[in-house]
Amino acid sequence: MVKLFLRIVLVLLAIVGIVAAIGFVLPRGYSTNAEITINAPVDQVFAEVNTIKKWTSWSSWDPERIKGLEVSFDGEDAGQGAIMKWQDPRPDSRFDGQIEFLKSETNKRIEYHSIIGEIPMDGYFEFTDNDGKSTTVKWVAAGELPGGTFYGWYGLVYNGFLGTELNNSLNRLKKKLEKTESKKSD
């Protein structure tokens, strides 16, 4: 009976060891993007994204959506040097972070660097003026997950999770700006 128990324990330890080893060697890189067309002029869409304080009304870091989320701002109000920081209300602080605009080219592109918990991310927004009345926004985010077994396995689903977050944020941006545009035309 003891020998059977020891064999079961050894098999379980071997399985855990294999799962851990695989997690260490899984790829850590991630890259995803989202794109949407908004029925608003490019200057209005760009100004909304370029003004960091406006992010709380459409991005994932919205204190109205995440109760207890604390958001603060540093640096510039808009463009290069604009910084937003947030503290997650959950006790492990794995989603605390910040985003900083590194470059801003009016009505064309915004580049940024952010860190969420232990996860660094670089990305950009590209703005395409379609006809003076609508704008296509492309949001790209990429980076490298930290080392360790957990992040190896997490990397298998992170692109999908992040892509969903980018899409949801762009859909909220679209809803906000198109609501503003419809009020202007009334």
N, C-alpha and C. Protein backbone atom coordinates (compact mmCIF):
# COMPACT_ATOMS: atom_id res chain seq x y z
N MET A 1 0.82 -1.19 0.00
CA MET A 1 0.00 0.00 0.00
C MET A 1 0.87 1.27 0.00
N VAL A 2 1.93 1.26 0.80
CA VAL A 2 2.84 2.40 0.86
C VAL A 2 3.55 2.58 -0.48
N LYS A 3 3.95 1.45 -1.11
CA LYS A 3 4.62 1.53 -2.41
C LYS A 3 3.69 2.13 -3.46
N LEU A 4 2.43 1.76 -3.45
CA LEU A 4 1.45 2.30 -4.40
C LEU A 4 1.28 3.80 -4.17
N PHE A 5 1.17 4.19 -2.92
CA PHE A 5 1.04 5.61 -2.59
C PHE A 5 2.26 6.39 -3.07
N LEU A 6 3.45 5.88 -2.84
CA LEU A 6 4.68 6.54 -3.29
C LEU A 6 4.74 6.64 -4.81
N ARG A 7 4.31 5.62 -5.50
CA ARG A 7 4.28 5.66 -6.97
C ARG A 7 3.32 6.74 -7.47
N ILE A 8 2.17 6.82 -6.82
CA ILE A 8 1.19 7.85 -7.22
C ILE A 8 1.77 9.24 -6.98
N VAL A 9 2.40 9.43 -5.83
CA VAL A 9 3.03 10.73 -5.52
C VAL A 9 4.12 11.05 -6.53
N LEU A 10 4.95 10.10 -6.87
CA LEU A 10 6.03 10.31 -7.84
C LEU A 10 5.47 10.65 -9.23
N VAL A 11 4.42 9.96 -9.63
CA VAL A 11 3.79 10.25 -10.93
C VAL A 11 3.22 11.66 -10.92
N LEU A 12 2.54 12.04 -9.85
CA LEU A 12 1.99 13.40 -9.75
C LEU A 12 3.10 14.45 -9.76
N LEU A 13 4.18 14.21 -9.05
CA LEU A 13 5.32 15.14 -9.05
C LEU A 13 5.94 15.24 -10.44
N ALA A 14 6.02 14.12 -11.13
CA ALA A 14 6.56 14.13 -12.50
C ALA A 14 5.66 14.95 -13.42
N ILE A 15 4.34 14.79 -13.28
CA ILE A 15 3.41 15.57 -14.11
C ILE A 15 3.54 17.06 -13.81
N VAL A 16 3.60 17.42 -12.53
CA VAL A 16 3.77 18.82 -12.16
C VAL A 16 5.09 19.35 -12.71
N GLY A 17 6.14 18.57 -12.63
CA GLY A 17 7.44 18.98 -13.15
C GLY A 17 7.41 19.21 -14.65
N ILE A 18 6.74 18.33 -15.37
CA ILE A 18 6.64 18.47 -16.83
C ILE A 18 5.84 19.73 -17.18
N VAL A 19 4.71 19.94 -16.49
CA VAL A 19 3.88 21.13 -16.75
C VAL A 19 4.69 22.40 -16.46
N ALA A 20 5.45 22.40 -15.36
CA ALA A 20 6.27 23.56 -15.02
C ALA A 20 7.37 23.78 -16.07
N ALA A 21 8.01 22.72 -16.49
CA ALA A 21 9.09 22.84 -17.49
C ALA A 21 8.55 23.38 -18.81
N ILE A 22 7.40 22.91 -19.22
CA ILE A 22 6.79 23.41 -20.46
C ILE A 22 6.47 24.89 -20.32
N GLY A 23 5.94 25.29 -19.17
CA GLY A 23 5.63 26.70 -18.93
C GLY A 23 6.84 27.60 -19.03
N PHE A 24 7.99 27.11 -18.63
CA PHE A 24 9.22 27.90 -18.72
C PHE A 24 9.68 28.11 -20.16
N VAL A 25 9.38 27.18 -21.06
CA VAL A 25 9.89 27.30 -22.42
C VAL A 25 8.86 27.82 -23.43
N LEU A 26 7.62 28.02 -23.01
CA LEU A 26 6.63 28.57 -23.93
C LEU A 26 7.01 30.00 -24.32
N PRO A 27 6.65 30.44 -25.53
CA PRO A 27 7.00 31.79 -25.98
C PRO A 27 6.37 32.86 -25.10
N ARG A 28 7.09 33.94 -24.90
CA ARG A 28 6.62 35.03 -24.03
C ARG A 28 6.12 36.24 -24.84
N GLY A 29 6.46 36.32 -26.10
CA GLY A 29 6.08 37.48 -26.90
C GLY A 29 4.60 37.51 -27.18
N TYR A 30 4.04 38.71 -27.21
CA TYR A 30 2.64 38.88 -27.58
C TYR A 30 2.51 40.09 -28.48
N SER A 31 1.52 40.08 -29.33
CA SER A 31 1.24 41.18 -30.23
C SER A 31 -0.20 41.05 -30.70
N THR A 32 -0.94 42.12 -30.56
CA THR A 32 -2.32 42.09 -31.00
C THR A 32 -2.72 43.48 -31.47
N ASN A 33 -3.82 43.57 -32.18
CA ASN A 33 -4.31 44.87 -32.62
C ASN A 33 -5.81 44.85 -32.76
N ALA A 34 -6.37 46.03 -32.81
CA ALA A 34 -7.80 46.21 -33.02
C ALA A 34 -7.97 47.42 -33.93
N GLU A 35 -9.04 47.41 -34.68
CA GLU A 35 -9.29 48.50 -35.62
C GLU A 35 -10.78 48.78 -35.68
N ILE A 36 -11.11 50.07 -35.81
CA ILE A 36 -12.51 50.45 -35.87
C ILE A 36 -12.64 51.73 -36.70
N THR A 37 -13.78 51.91 -37.34
CA THR A 37 -14.08 53.15 -38.04
C THR A 37 -15.12 53.91 -37.24
N ILE A 38 -14.82 55.17 -36.98
CA ILE A 38 -15.68 56.02 -36.16
C ILE A 38 -16.22 57.14 -37.04
N ASN A 39 -17.50 57.36 -36.97
CA ASN A 39 -18.14 58.42 -37.75
C ASN A 39 -17.94 59.77 -37.06
N ALA A 40 -16.70 60.24 -37.13
CA ALA A 40 -16.31 61.54 -36.58
C ALA A 40 -15.03 61.95 -37.29
N PRO A 41 -14.81 63.25 -37.42
CA PRO A 41 -13.59 63.72 -38.10
C PRO A 41 -12.32 63.33 -37.35
N VAL A 42 -11.24 63.19 -38.10
CA VAL A 42 -9.98 62.72 -37.53
C VAL A 42 -9.47 63.62 -36.42
N ASP A 43 -9.64 64.94 -36.55
CA ASP A 43 -9.14 65.83 -35.50
C ASP A 43 -9.86 65.61 -34.18
N GLN A 44 -11.15 65.29 -34.23
CA GLN A 44 -11.91 65.03 -33.01
C GLN A 44 -11.49 63.68 -32.39
N VAL A 45 -11.33 62.66 -33.21
CA VAL A 45 -10.94 61.34 -32.72
C VAL A 45 -9.52 61.40 -32.14
N PHE A 46 -8.61 62.03 -32.86
CA PHE A 46 -7.23 62.15 -32.38
C PHE A 46 -7.18 62.89 -31.05
N ALA A 47 -7.90 64.01 -30.95
CA ALA A 47 -7.88 64.80 -29.72
C ALA A 47 -8.37 63.98 -28.53
N GLU A 48 -9.37 63.15 -28.73
CA GLU A 48 -9.90 62.31 -27.65
C GLU A 48 -8.85 61.31 -27.15
N VAL A 49 -8.15 60.67 -28.07
CA VAL A 49 -7.14 59.68 -27.68
C VAL A 49 -5.88 60.36 -27.17
N ASN A 50 -5.52 61.47 -27.74
CA ASN A 50 -4.28 62.18 -27.40
C ASN A 50 -4.35 62.88 -26.04
N THR A 51 -5.55 63.14 -25.54
CA THR A 51 -5.74 63.78 -24.23
C THR A 51 -5.90 62.69 -23.19
N ILE A 52 -4.85 62.44 -22.43
CA ILE A 52 -4.79 61.28 -21.53
C ILE A 52 -5.91 61.27 -20.49
N LYS A 53 -6.34 62.42 -20.02
CA LYS A 53 -7.40 62.46 -19.01
C LYS A 53 -8.74 61.97 -19.55
N LYS A 54 -8.90 61.96 -20.86
CA LYS A 54 -10.16 61.49 -21.45
C LYS A 54 -10.23 59.97 -21.53
N TRP A 55 -9.09 59.31 -21.31
CA TRP A 55 -9.06 57.85 -21.41
C TRP A 55 -9.99 57.17 -20.42
N THR A 56 -10.22 57.79 -19.26
CA THR A 56 -11.06 57.15 -18.25
C THR A 56 -12.51 56.99 -18.71
N SER A 57 -12.91 57.69 -19.75
CA SER A 57 -14.29 57.58 -20.23
C SER A 57 -14.49 56.50 -21.29
N TRP A 58 -13.39 55.90 -21.79
CA TRP A 58 -13.58 54.89 -22.84
C TRP A 58 -12.59 53.72 -22.75
N SER A 59 -11.49 53.88 -22.06
CA SER A 59 -10.49 52.80 -22.02
C SER A 59 -10.83 51.78 -20.93
N SER A 60 -9.99 50.77 -20.80
CA SER A 60 -10.17 49.75 -19.77
C SER A 60 -10.00 50.32 -18.37
N TRP A 61 -9.34 51.47 -18.24
CA TRP A 61 -9.05 52.05 -16.93
C TRP A 61 -10.08 53.11 -16.58
N ASP A 62 -11.29 52.69 -16.43
CA ASP A 62 -12.43 53.56 -16.16
C ASP A 62 -12.91 53.31 -14.73
N PRO A 63 -12.77 54.30 -13.84
CA PRO A 63 -13.22 54.12 -12.46
C PRO A 63 -14.72 53.83 -12.34
N GLU A 64 -15.50 54.18 -13.36
CA GLU A 64 -16.92 53.86 -13.35
C GLU A 64 -17.15 52.36 -13.58
N ARG A 65 -16.27 51.74 -14.34
CA ARG A 65 -16.39 50.31 -14.64
C ARG A 65 -15.71 49.45 -13.58
N ILE A 66 -14.62 49.92 -13.01
CA ILE A 66 -13.87 49.17 -12.00
C ILE A 66 -13.98 49.94 -10.68
N LYS A 67 -14.89 49.53 -9.86
CA LYS A 67 -15.12 50.22 -8.58
C LYS A 67 -13.85 50.20 -7.74
N GLY A 68 -13.49 51.37 -7.23
CA GLY A 68 -12.31 51.48 -6.38
C GLY A 68 -11.01 51.76 -7.12
N LEU A 69 -11.06 51.77 -8.46
CA LEU A 69 -9.86 52.06 -9.24
C LEU A 69 -9.46 53.51 -9.00
N GLU A 70 -8.20 53.73 -8.68
CA GLU A 70 -7.69 55.08 -8.48
C GLU A 70 -6.82 55.45 -9.66
N VAL A 71 -7.15 56.58 -10.30
CA VAL A 71 -6.42 57.04 -11.47
C VAL A 71 -5.82 58.41 -11.17
N SER A 72 -4.57 58.60 -11.59
CA SER A 72 -3.92 59.91 -11.45
C SER A 72 -3.16 60.23 -12.74
N PHE A 73 -2.79 61.49 -12.88
CA PHE A 73 -2.14 61.95 -14.10
C PHE A 73 -0.89 62.75 -13.76
N ASP A 74 0.12 62.63 -14.60
CA ASP A 74 1.37 63.38 -14.46
C ASP A 74 1.75 63.92 -15.82
N GLY A 75 2.71 64.81 -15.81
CA GLY A 75 3.25 65.31 -17.07
C GLY A 75 2.28 66.19 -17.82
N GLU A 76 2.32 66.07 -19.12
CA GLU A 76 1.50 66.88 -20.01
C GLU A 76 0.04 66.43 -19.98
N ASP A 77 -0.87 67.32 -20.37
CA ASP A 77 -2.28 66.95 -20.48
C ASP A 77 -2.55 66.12 -21.73
N ALA A 78 -1.74 66.36 -22.76
CA ALA A 78 -1.93 65.66 -24.03
C ALA A 78 -0.59 65.50 -24.73
N GLY A 79 -0.52 64.52 -25.61
CA GLY A 79 0.68 64.32 -26.42
C GLY A 79 1.86 63.78 -25.65
N GLN A 80 3.04 63.91 -26.25
CA GLN A 80 4.28 63.39 -25.67
C GLN A 80 4.45 63.87 -24.23
N GLY A 81 4.73 62.92 -23.34
CA GLY A 81 4.94 63.24 -21.94
C GLY A 81 3.69 63.14 -21.08
N ALA A 82 2.54 62.86 -21.67
CA ALA A 82 1.31 62.67 -20.89
C ALA A 82 1.38 61.29 -20.23
N ILE A 83 1.04 61.24 -18.94
CA ILE A 83 1.14 59.99 -18.18
C ILE A 83 -0.15 59.78 -17.38
N MET A 84 -0.65 58.56 -17.43
CA MET A 84 -1.77 58.16 -16.58
C MET A 84 -1.30 56.97 -15.75
N LYS A 85 -1.60 57.01 -14.44
CA LYS A 85 -1.28 55.90 -13.54
C LYS A 85 -2.57 55.42 -12.90
N TRP A 86 -2.61 54.13 -12.59
CA TRP A 86 -3.80 53.60 -11.93
C TRP A 86 -3.41 52.58 -10.88
N GLN A 87 -4.24 52.51 -9.84
CA GLN A 87 -4.08 51.51 -8.80
C GLN A 87 -5.35 50.69 -8.75
N ASP A 88 -5.18 49.40 -8.92
CA ASP A 88 -6.28 48.46 -8.93
C ASP A 88 -6.75 48.22 -7.49
N PRO A 89 -8.06 48.14 -7.28
CA PRO A 89 -8.55 47.94 -5.91
C PRO A 89 -8.34 46.53 -5.37
N ARG A 90 -8.02 45.57 -6.22
CA ARG A 90 -7.81 44.20 -5.75
C ARG A 90 -6.52 44.13 -4.94
N PRO A 91 -6.48 43.29 -3.93
CA PRO A 91 -5.36 43.30 -2.99
C PRO A 91 -3.99 42.89 -3.56
N ASP A 92 -3.95 42.14 -4.65
CA ASP A 92 -2.63 41.69 -5.15
C ASP A 92 -1.96 42.69 -6.08
N SER A 93 -2.62 43.76 -6.43
CA SER A 93 -2.11 44.85 -7.27
C SER A 93 -1.50 44.39 -8.59
N ARG A 94 -1.96 43.26 -9.11
CA ARG A 94 -1.39 42.76 -10.36
C ARG A 94 -1.78 43.59 -11.57
N PHE A 95 -2.80 44.45 -11.42
CA PHE A 95 -3.20 45.28 -12.54
C PHE A 95 -2.87 46.76 -12.33
N ASP A 96 -2.09 47.09 -11.30
CA ASP A 96 -1.61 48.46 -11.15
C ASP A 96 -0.72 48.77 -12.34
N GLY A 97 -0.68 50.02 -12.76
CA GLY A 97 0.20 50.33 -13.88
C GLY A 97 0.19 51.77 -14.29
N GLN A 98 0.79 52.00 -15.45
CA GLN A 98 0.82 53.34 -16.01
C GLN A 98 1.04 53.26 -17.52
N ILE A 99 0.66 54.35 -18.18
CA ILE A 99 0.90 54.49 -19.61
C ILE A 99 1.49 55.88 -19.82
N GLU A 100 2.48 55.95 -20.72
CA GLU A 100 3.10 57.23 -21.04
C GLU A 100 3.18 57.38 -22.56
N PHE A 101 2.74 58.53 -23.04
CA PHE A 101 2.85 58.83 -24.46
C PHE A 101 4.28 59.22 -24.77
N LEU A 102 4.88 58.52 -25.72
CA LEU A 102 6.27 58.78 -26.10
C LEU A 102 6.38 59.70 -27.31
N LYS A 103 5.39 59.64 -28.19
CA LYS A 103 5.42 60.43 -29.42
C LYS A 103 3.98 60.67 -29.86
N SER A 104 3.74 61.86 -30.38
CA SER A 104 2.41 62.21 -30.85
C SER A 104 2.52 63.03 -32.12
N GLU A 105 2.01 62.50 -33.21
CA GLU A 105 2.01 63.19 -34.49
C GLU A 105 0.56 63.52 -34.83
N THR A 106 0.22 64.79 -34.80
CA THR A 106 -1.15 65.27 -34.90
C THR A 106 -1.94 64.59 -36.03
N ASN A 107 -3.07 64.03 -35.62
CA ASN A 107 -4.04 63.37 -36.52
C ASN A 107 -3.48 62.17 -37.27
N LYS A 108 -2.32 61.66 -36.86
CA LYS A 108 -1.71 60.54 -37.56
C LYS A 108 -1.36 59.36 -36.64
N ARG A 109 -0.61 59.63 -35.56
CA ARG A 109 -0.07 58.51 -34.78
C ARG A 109 0.26 58.95 -33.34
N ILE A 110 0.02 58.03 -32.40
CA ILE A 110 0.44 58.20 -31.01
C ILE A 110 1.17 56.92 -30.62
N GLU A 111 2.38 57.07 -30.07
CA GLU A 111 3.15 55.91 -29.60
C GLU A 111 3.23 55.98 -28.08
N TYR A 112 3.19 54.82 -27.42
CA TYR A 112 3.20 54.80 -25.97
C TYR A 112 3.97 53.61 -25.42
N HIS A 113 4.28 53.71 -24.13
CA HIS A 113 4.83 52.58 -23.37
C HIS A 113 3.98 52.47 -22.11
N SER A 114 3.65 51.26 -21.75
CA SER A 114 2.90 51.06 -20.50
C SER A 114 3.43 49.84 -19.78
N ILE A 115 3.05 49.75 -18.53
CA ILE A 115 3.34 48.56 -17.75
C ILE A 115 2.11 48.30 -16.89
N ILE A 116 1.65 47.06 -16.93
CA ILE A 116 0.49 46.64 -16.16
C ILE A 116 0.95 45.50 -15.26
N GLY A 117 1.01 45.77 -13.97
CA GLY A 117 1.59 44.78 -13.06
C GLY A 117 3.05 44.58 -13.42
N GLU A 118 3.38 43.37 -13.83
CA GLU A 118 4.76 43.06 -14.25
C GLU A 118 4.90 43.01 -15.77
N ILE A 119 3.84 43.33 -16.50
CA ILE A 119 3.83 43.14 -17.94
C ILE A 119 4.09 44.46 -18.67
N PRO A 120 5.24 44.59 -19.35
CA PRO A 120 5.51 45.78 -20.15
C PRO A 120 4.82 45.69 -21.51
N MET A 121 4.47 46.84 -22.05
CA MET A 121 3.80 46.88 -23.35
C MET A 121 4.21 48.14 -24.10
N ASP A 122 4.48 47.99 -25.38
CA ASP A 122 4.69 49.12 -26.27
C ASP A 122 3.60 49.06 -27.32
N GLY A 123 3.15 50.22 -27.75
CA GLY A 123 2.09 50.21 -28.74
C GLY A 123 1.93 51.55 -29.41
N TYR A 124 0.94 51.58 -30.29
CA TYR A 124 0.64 52.83 -30.99
C TYR A 124 -0.78 52.83 -31.50
N PHE A 125 -1.26 54.03 -31.79
CA PHE A 125 -2.53 54.27 -32.46
C PHE A 125 -2.20 54.90 -33.80
N GLU A 126 -2.88 54.46 -34.85
CA GLU A 126 -2.79 55.12 -36.16
C GLU A 126 -4.18 55.60 -36.52
N PHE A 127 -4.24 56.83 -37.06
CA PHE A 127 -5.51 57.46 -37.41
C PHE A 127 -5.53 57.70 -38.91
N THR A 128 -6.57 57.24 -39.57
CA THR A 128 -6.72 57.43 -41.01
C THR A 128 -8.00 58.22 -41.28
N ASP A 129 -7.84 59.39 -41.89
CA ASP A 129 -8.99 60.22 -42.27
C ASP A 129 -9.57 59.63 -43.55
N ASN A 130 -10.78 59.11 -43.47
CA ASN A 130 -11.38 58.45 -44.63
C ASN A 130 -12.00 59.42 -45.62
N ASP A 131 -12.76 60.37 -45.13
CA ASP A 131 -13.47 61.27 -46.04
C ASP A 131 -13.78 62.60 -45.38
N GLY A 132 -13.09 62.92 -44.33
CA GLY A 132 -13.38 64.13 -43.59
C GLY A 132 -14.51 63.97 -42.59
N LYS A 133 -15.24 62.85 -42.69
CA LYS A 133 -16.38 62.62 -41.80
C LYS A 133 -16.22 61.38 -40.94
N SER A 134 -15.32 60.49 -41.33
CA SER A 134 -15.08 59.29 -40.52
C SER A 134 -13.58 59.04 -40.42
N THR A 135 -13.21 58.30 -39.38
CA THR A 135 -11.81 58.04 -39.08
C THR A 135 -11.64 56.57 -38.73
N THR A 136 -10.63 55.94 -39.30
CA THR A 136 -10.28 54.58 -38.91
C THR A 136 -9.15 54.67 -37.90
N VAL A 137 -9.35 54.00 -36.76
CA VAL A 137 -8.35 53.97 -35.69
C VAL A 137 -7.82 52.54 -35.60
N LYS A 138 -6.51 52.41 -35.67
CA LYS A 138 -5.86 51.11 -35.47
C LYS A 138 -5.05 51.21 -34.19
N TRP A 139 -5.25 50.22 -33.30
CA TRP A 139 -4.53 50.19 -32.02
C TRP A 139 -3.71 48.91 -31.99
N VAL A 140 -2.40 49.05 -31.85
CA VAL A 140 -1.47 47.91 -31.82
C VAL A 140 -0.78 47.90 -30.46
N ALA A 141 -0.67 46.71 -29.88
CA ALA A 141 0.02 46.54 -28.59
C ALA A 141 0.88 45.28 -28.66
N ALA A 142 2.11 45.38 -28.15
CA ALA A 142 3.03 44.23 -28.19
C ALA A 142 4.00 44.30 -27.02
N GLY A 143 4.56 43.17 -26.68
CA GLY A 143 5.54 43.13 -25.61
C GLY A 143 6.00 41.72 -25.32
N GLU A 144 6.63 41.58 -24.19
CA GLU A 144 7.20 40.30 -23.76
C GLU A 144 6.74 40.05 -22.33
N LEU A 145 6.09 38.92 -22.10
CA LEU A 145 5.67 38.57 -20.74
C LEU A 145 6.88 38.20 -19.90
N PRO A 146 6.80 38.43 -18.58
CA PRO A 146 7.92 38.08 -17.69
C PRO A 146 8.19 36.57 -17.70
N GLY A 147 9.31 36.17 -17.13
CA GLY A 147 9.65 34.75 -17.04
C GLY A 147 8.81 34.02 -16.01
N GLY A 148 8.95 32.73 -15.98
CA GLY A 148 8.24 31.90 -15.01
C GLY A 148 7.20 31.01 -15.66
N THR A 149 6.87 29.95 -14.97
CA THR A 149 5.90 28.98 -15.48
C THR A 149 4.54 29.61 -15.74
N PHE A 150 4.05 30.40 -14.78
CA PHE A 150 2.72 30.99 -14.92
C PHE A 150 2.60 31.81 -16.20
N TYR A 151 3.57 32.71 -16.43
CA TYR A 151 3.49 33.58 -17.60
C TYR A 151 3.66 32.81 -18.91
N GLY A 152 4.37 31.69 -18.87
CA GLY A 152 4.45 30.85 -20.06
C GLY A 152 3.07 30.35 -20.47
N TRP A 153 2.35 29.80 -19.52
CA TRP A 153 1.00 29.31 -19.81
C TRP A 153 0.03 30.46 -20.07
N TYR A 154 0.17 31.55 -19.34
CA TYR A 154 -0.69 32.72 -19.51
C TYR A 154 -0.53 33.28 -20.93
N GLY A 155 0.66 33.18 -21.46
CA GLY A 155 0.92 33.67 -22.80
C GLY A 155 0.06 33.01 -23.87
N LEU A 156 -0.42 31.80 -23.60
CA LEU A 156 -1.27 31.11 -24.57
C LEU A 156 -2.62 31.80 -24.76
N VAL A 157 -3.07 32.54 -23.76
CA VAL A 157 -4.38 33.20 -23.85
C VAL A 157 -4.27 34.73 -23.83
N TYR A 158 -3.09 35.27 -23.58
CA TYR A 158 -2.95 36.71 -23.38
C TYR A 158 -3.31 37.51 -24.63
N ASN A 159 -2.91 37.08 -25.80
CA ASN A 159 -3.26 37.82 -27.02
C ASN A 159 -4.77 37.97 -27.16
N GLY A 160 -5.49 36.90 -26.91
CA GLY A 160 -6.95 36.96 -27.02
C GLY A 160 -7.56 37.89 -25.99
N PHE A 161 -7.07 37.80 -24.76
CA PHE A 161 -7.55 38.67 -23.69
C PHE A 161 -7.28 40.13 -24.03
N LEU A 162 -6.05 40.43 -24.42
CA LEU A 162 -5.67 41.81 -24.73
C LEU A 162 -6.44 42.32 -25.95
N GLY A 163 -6.57 41.49 -26.98
CA GLY A 163 -7.33 41.89 -28.16
C GLY A 163 -8.76 42.26 -27.82
N THR A 164 -9.38 41.49 -26.94
CA THR A 164 -10.75 41.78 -26.50
C THR A 164 -10.80 43.13 -25.79
N GLU A 165 -9.82 43.40 -24.92
CA GLU A 165 -9.77 44.67 -24.20
C GLU A 165 -9.61 45.85 -25.16
N LEU A 166 -8.73 45.71 -26.16
CA LEU A 166 -8.54 46.79 -27.14
C LEU A 166 -9.83 47.03 -27.92
N ASN A 167 -10.45 45.95 -28.39
CA ASN A 167 -11.72 46.08 -29.14
C ASN A 167 -12.80 46.73 -28.30
N ASN A 168 -12.95 46.29 -27.05
CA ASN A 168 -13.98 46.87 -26.18
C ASN A 168 -13.73 48.35 -25.95
N SER A 169 -12.49 48.73 -25.74
CA SER A 169 -12.16 50.15 -25.53
C SER A 169 -12.46 50.96 -26.79
N LEU A 170 -12.08 50.46 -27.96
CA LEU A 170 -12.37 51.19 -29.20
C LEU A 170 -13.88 51.29 -29.45
N ASN A 171 -14.63 50.27 -29.09
CA ASN A 171 -16.09 50.35 -29.24
C ASN A 171 -16.69 51.40 -28.32
N ARG A 172 -16.17 51.53 -27.09
CA ARG A 172 -16.64 52.58 -26.18
C ARG A 172 -16.25 53.96 -26.72
N LEU A 173 -15.03 54.07 -27.30
CA LEU A 173 -14.60 55.33 -27.92
C LEU A 173 -15.54 55.71 -29.06
N LYS A 174 -15.85 54.75 -29.90
CA LYS A 174 -16.76 54.98 -31.03
C LYS A 174 -18.13 55.46 -30.53
N LYS A 175 -18.66 54.76 -29.54
CA LYS A 175 -19.97 55.11 -29.00
C LYS A 175 -19.96 56.54 -28.45
N LYS A 176 -18.91 56.87 -27.71
CA LYS A 176 -18.80 58.21 -27.12
C LYS A 176 -18.73 59.29 -28.20
N LEU A 177 -17.84 59.09 -29.18
CA LEU A 177 -17.64 60.13 -30.19
C LEU A 177 -18.81 60.24 -31.15
N GLU A 178 -19.43 59.13 -31.50
CA GLU A 178 -20.58 59.20 -32.41
C GLU A 178 -21.79 59.81 -31.71
N LYS A 179 -21.90 59.63 -30.41
CA LYS A 179 -22.96 60.27 -29.64
C LYS A 179 -22.74 61.78 -29.66
N THR A 180 -21.49 62.21 -29.49
CA THR A 180 -21.14 63.62 -29.54
C THR A 180 -21.44 64.20 -30.92
N GLU A 181 -21.08 63.45 -31.97
CA GLU A 181 -21.34 63.91 -33.35
C GLU A 181 -22.83 64.03 -33.63
N SER A 182 -23.64 63.08 -33.13
CA SER A 182 -25.07 63.15 -33.39
C SER A 182 -25.70 64.34 -32.67
N LYS A 183 -25.17 64.72 -31.49
CA LYS A 183 -25.66 65.90 -30.78
C LYS A 183 -25.33 67.17 -31.56
N LYS A 184 -24.16 67.20 -32.22
CA LYS A 184 -23.76 68.37 -33.02
C LYS A 184 -24.68 68.56 -34.21
N SER A 185 -25.15 67.47 -34.81
CA SER A 185 -25.96 67.56 -36.03
C SER A 185 -27.45 67.79 -35.70
N ASP A 186 -27.82 67.65 -34.44
CA ASP A 186 -29.24 67.88 -34.06
C ASP A 186 -29.59 69.34 -34.05
